[in-house]
Amino acid sequence: MRYLFLITTIALIIIRPTPSVEVERVERRPVCDDRTTHSTPTGRVEKKAVIREVTKITPKSDIEALICQYFTDSCDVAIAVARCESGLRDHAVGDHAIAYIQDGVEYGKSYGVFQIRSLPGRPEPEKLLDPSFNVQYAYNLYKRSGFTPWSAYTNDCYLAFLK
């Protein structure tokens, strides 16, 4: 006799304390629903449904203003680098292909407006997804090394975004 296990859909709400606009992202996860079904190698029927995740996102004009607060003398270049790195999206997560696990912690992905890479000794991803913290951290990197830590600068991608 086959048993059917039901998995319920969970809505996640991530609220950030910054002024924001609400948008909706859609992801697929295996849960019991009437939308689609498929068989696993063991013959068990699984169904897929859509999980909706509502995320608060900081408007791009606010992010540009935040960048200019720190990068006063090189505001245009900094905005162009951030546009190339993340599209000025404070919730951007990239470099999934080079992520790795060390001591049970995932490293290697890049987070936030300036796509700061998560590495041992650096802040947690949750902090890097905060636009204020991300821009401030990026500015500290810039003070030490200029724009060379960002591939968007070294490969000249940023040039397409200069005003």
Protein backbone atom coordinates (compact mmCIF):
# COMPACT_ATOMS: atom_id res chain seq x y z
CA MET A 1 0.00 0.00 0.00
CA ARG A 2 1.31 3.44 -0.91
CA TYR A 3 1.27 6.31 1.50
CA LEU A 4 1.00 9.87 0.26
CA PHE A 5 2.75 12.42 2.36
CA LEU A 6 1.47 15.95 2.13
CA ILE A 7 3.82 18.88 2.31
CA THR A 8 2.24 22.26 2.78
CA THR A 9 3.18 25.47 1.06
CA ILE A 10 4.91 27.98 3.29
CA ALA A 11 4.92 31.69 2.55
CA LEU A 12 8.06 33.44 3.71
CA ILE A 13 8.02 37.14 4.40
CA ILE A 14 11.30 38.94 4.68
CA ILE A 15 10.90 42.45 6.03
CA ARG A 16 13.71 44.96 5.91
CA PRO A 17 13.67 48.18 7.94
CA THR A 18 14.41 50.39 4.89
CA PRO A 19 11.83 52.26 2.79
CA SER A 20 10.80 49.83 0.12
CA VAL A 21 8.56 48.64 -2.66
CA GLU A 22 6.93 45.21 -2.48
CA VAL A 23 7.65 42.72 -5.26
CA GLU A 24 7.01 39.03 -5.64
CA ARG A 25 9.50 36.28 -6.55
CA VAL A 26 8.36 32.81 -7.53
CA GLU A 27 10.28 29.60 -6.86
CA ARG A 28 9.40 25.92 -7.42
CA ARG A 29 9.73 23.39 -4.61
CA PRO A 30 8.31 19.84 -4.30
CA VAL A 31 5.04 20.08 -2.40
CA CYS A 32 1.65 18.44 -2.73
CA ASP A 33 -0.60 20.49 -5.00
CA ASP A 34 -2.73 19.90 -8.07
CA ARG A 35 -0.53 21.81 -10.52
CA THR A 36 1.96 19.22 -11.81
CA THR A 37 2.96 15.68 -10.95
CA HIS A 38 5.91 13.47 -11.75
CA SER A 39 7.19 10.05 -10.72
CA THR A 40 10.41 9.53 -8.83
CA PRO A 41 12.76 6.63 -9.64
CA THR A 42 11.11 4.64 -6.83
CA GLY A 43 7.68 5.08 -8.43
CA ARG A 44 6.43 7.52 -5.81
CA VAL A 45 4.29 10.31 -7.26
CA GLU A 46 5.35 13.79 -6.22
CA LYS A 47 3.59 17.00 -6.98
CA LYS A 48 5.06 20.47 -7.46
CA ALA A 49 3.58 23.81 -6.52
CA VAL A 50 4.64 27.40 -6.45
CA ILE A 51 5.97 28.98 -3.28
CA ARG A 52 5.59 32.72 -3.28
CA GLU A 53 8.18 34.71 -1.41
CA VAL A 54 7.40 38.36 -0.78
CA THR A 55 10.53 40.45 -0.43
CA LYS A 56 10.89 44.10 0.43
CA ILE A 57 13.32 45.78 -1.96
CA THR A 58 14.95 49.18 -1.58
CA PRO A 59 14.22 51.50 -4.54
CA LYS A 60 17.22 52.06 -6.84
CA SER A 61 17.16 55.83 -6.31
CA ASP A 62 17.65 55.29 -2.56
CA ILE A 63 20.55 52.93 -3.24
CA GLU A 64 22.17 55.45 -5.59
CA ALA A 65 21.86 58.15 -2.90
CA LEU A 66 23.38 55.78 -0.34
CA ILE A 67 26.32 55.01 -2.65
CA CYS A 68 26.96 58.74 -3.18
CA GLN A 69 27.03 59.30 0.59
CA TYR A 70 30.12 57.09 0.82
CA PHE A 71 31.76 57.35 -2.61
CA THR A 72 31.59 61.16 -2.75
CA ASP A 73 34.48 61.73 -5.19
CA SER A 74 33.74 58.69 -7.37
CA CYS A 75 29.98 58.40 -7.09
CA ASP A 76 29.32 57.88 -10.83
CA VAL A 77 31.91 55.10 -11.13
CA ALA A 78 30.69 53.41 -7.93
CA ILE A 79 27.07 53.44 -9.16
CA ALA A 80 28.19 52.08 -12.54
CA VAL A 81 30.12 49.25 -10.83
CA ALA A 82 27.11 48.41 -8.62
CA ARG A 83 24.78 48.47 -11.65
CA CYS A 84 27.03 46.03 -13.47
CA GLU A 85 27.50 43.80 -10.40
CA SER A 86 23.89 43.58 -9.17
CA GLY A 87 21.66 45.88 -11.20
CA LEU A 88 21.50 47.92 -7.94
CA ARG A 89 19.45 45.10 -6.38
CA ASP A 90 20.03 44.94 -2.63
CA HIS A 91 18.78 41.32 -2.52
CA ALA A 92 21.06 40.05 -5.33
CA VAL A 93 22.91 36.78 -4.68
CA GLY A 94 25.45 35.63 -7.25
CA ASP A 95 28.39 33.31 -7.87
CA HIS A 96 26.40 30.19 -6.99
CA ALA A 97 28.71 28.07 -9.14
CA ILE A 98 31.77 28.81 -7.00
CA ALA A 99 30.12 28.35 -3.59
CA TYR A 100 31.73 25.86 -1.23
CA ILE A 101 31.24 24.48 2.28
CA GLN A 102 33.94 24.81 4.93
CA ASP A 103 33.42 23.69 8.52
CA GLY A 104 29.68 23.45 7.84
CA VAL A 105 29.39 27.03 6.58
CA GLU A 106 28.71 28.00 2.96
CA TYR A 107 31.16 30.49 1.43
CA GLY A 108 31.89 31.84 -2.02
CA LYS A 109 28.57 33.41 -3.01
CA SER A 110 28.39 37.17 -3.52
CA TYR A 111 25.72 39.29 -1.85
CA GLY A 112 23.98 42.62 -2.17
CA VAL A 113 24.44 45.81 -4.14
CA PHE A 114 28.20 45.46 -4.59
CA GLN A 115 28.19 41.64 -4.69
CA ILE A 116 30.54 41.24 -1.71
CA ARG A 117 31.87 37.67 -1.63
CA SER A 118 31.20 35.64 1.49
CA LEU A 119 34.58 34.38 2.69
CA PRO A 120 35.97 33.22 6.05
CA GLY A 121 36.50 36.28 8.25
CA ARG A 122 33.97 38.41 6.38
CA PRO A 123 30.50 39.38 7.62
CA GLU A 124 27.57 36.96 7.42
CA PRO A 125 25.44 36.94 4.23
CA GLU A 126 22.48 38.41 6.13
CA LYS A 127 24.54 41.50 6.93
CA LEU A 128 25.83 41.74 3.35
CA LEU A 129 22.23 41.82 2.11
CA ASP A 130 21.57 44.98 4.13
CA PRO A 131 22.08 47.82 1.61
CA SER A 132 23.60 50.25 4.13
CA PHE A 133 26.05 47.69 5.45
CA ASN A 134 26.90 46.43 1.95
CA VAL A 135 27.71 49.90 0.61
CA GLN A 136 29.72 50.79 3.71
CA TYR A 137 31.68 47.52 3.47
CA ALA A 138 32.27 48.14 -0.25
CA TYR A 139 33.55 51.61 0.53
CA ASN A 140 36.04 50.19 3.03
CA LEU A 141 37.28 47.77 0.35
CA TYR A 142 37.51 50.69 -2.09
CA LYS A 143 39.60 52.76 0.36
CA ARG A 144 42.14 49.90 0.55
CA SER A 145 42.23 48.77 -3.10
CA GLY A 146 40.29 51.18 -5.30
CA PHE A 147 37.73 49.49 -7.56
CA THR A 148 40.03 46.54 -8.40
CA PRO A 149 38.19 44.04 -6.12
CA TRP A 150 35.20 44.17 -8.52
CA SER A 151 35.33 42.28 -11.80
CA ALA A 152 32.78 44.76 -13.17
CA TYR A 153 35.57 47.33 -12.96
CA THR A 154 38.51 45.21 -14.07
CA ASN A 155 36.67 43.86 -17.13
CA ASP A 156 35.30 47.35 -18.01
CA CYS A 157 31.65 46.28 -17.70
CA TYR A 158 30.99 49.42 -15.62
CA LEU A 159 31.78 51.67 -18.61
CA ALA A 160 28.42 50.82 -20.19
CA PHE A 161 26.67 52.25 -17.10
CA LEU A 162 28.51 55.57 -16.75
CA LYS A 163 26.24 58.60 -17.15
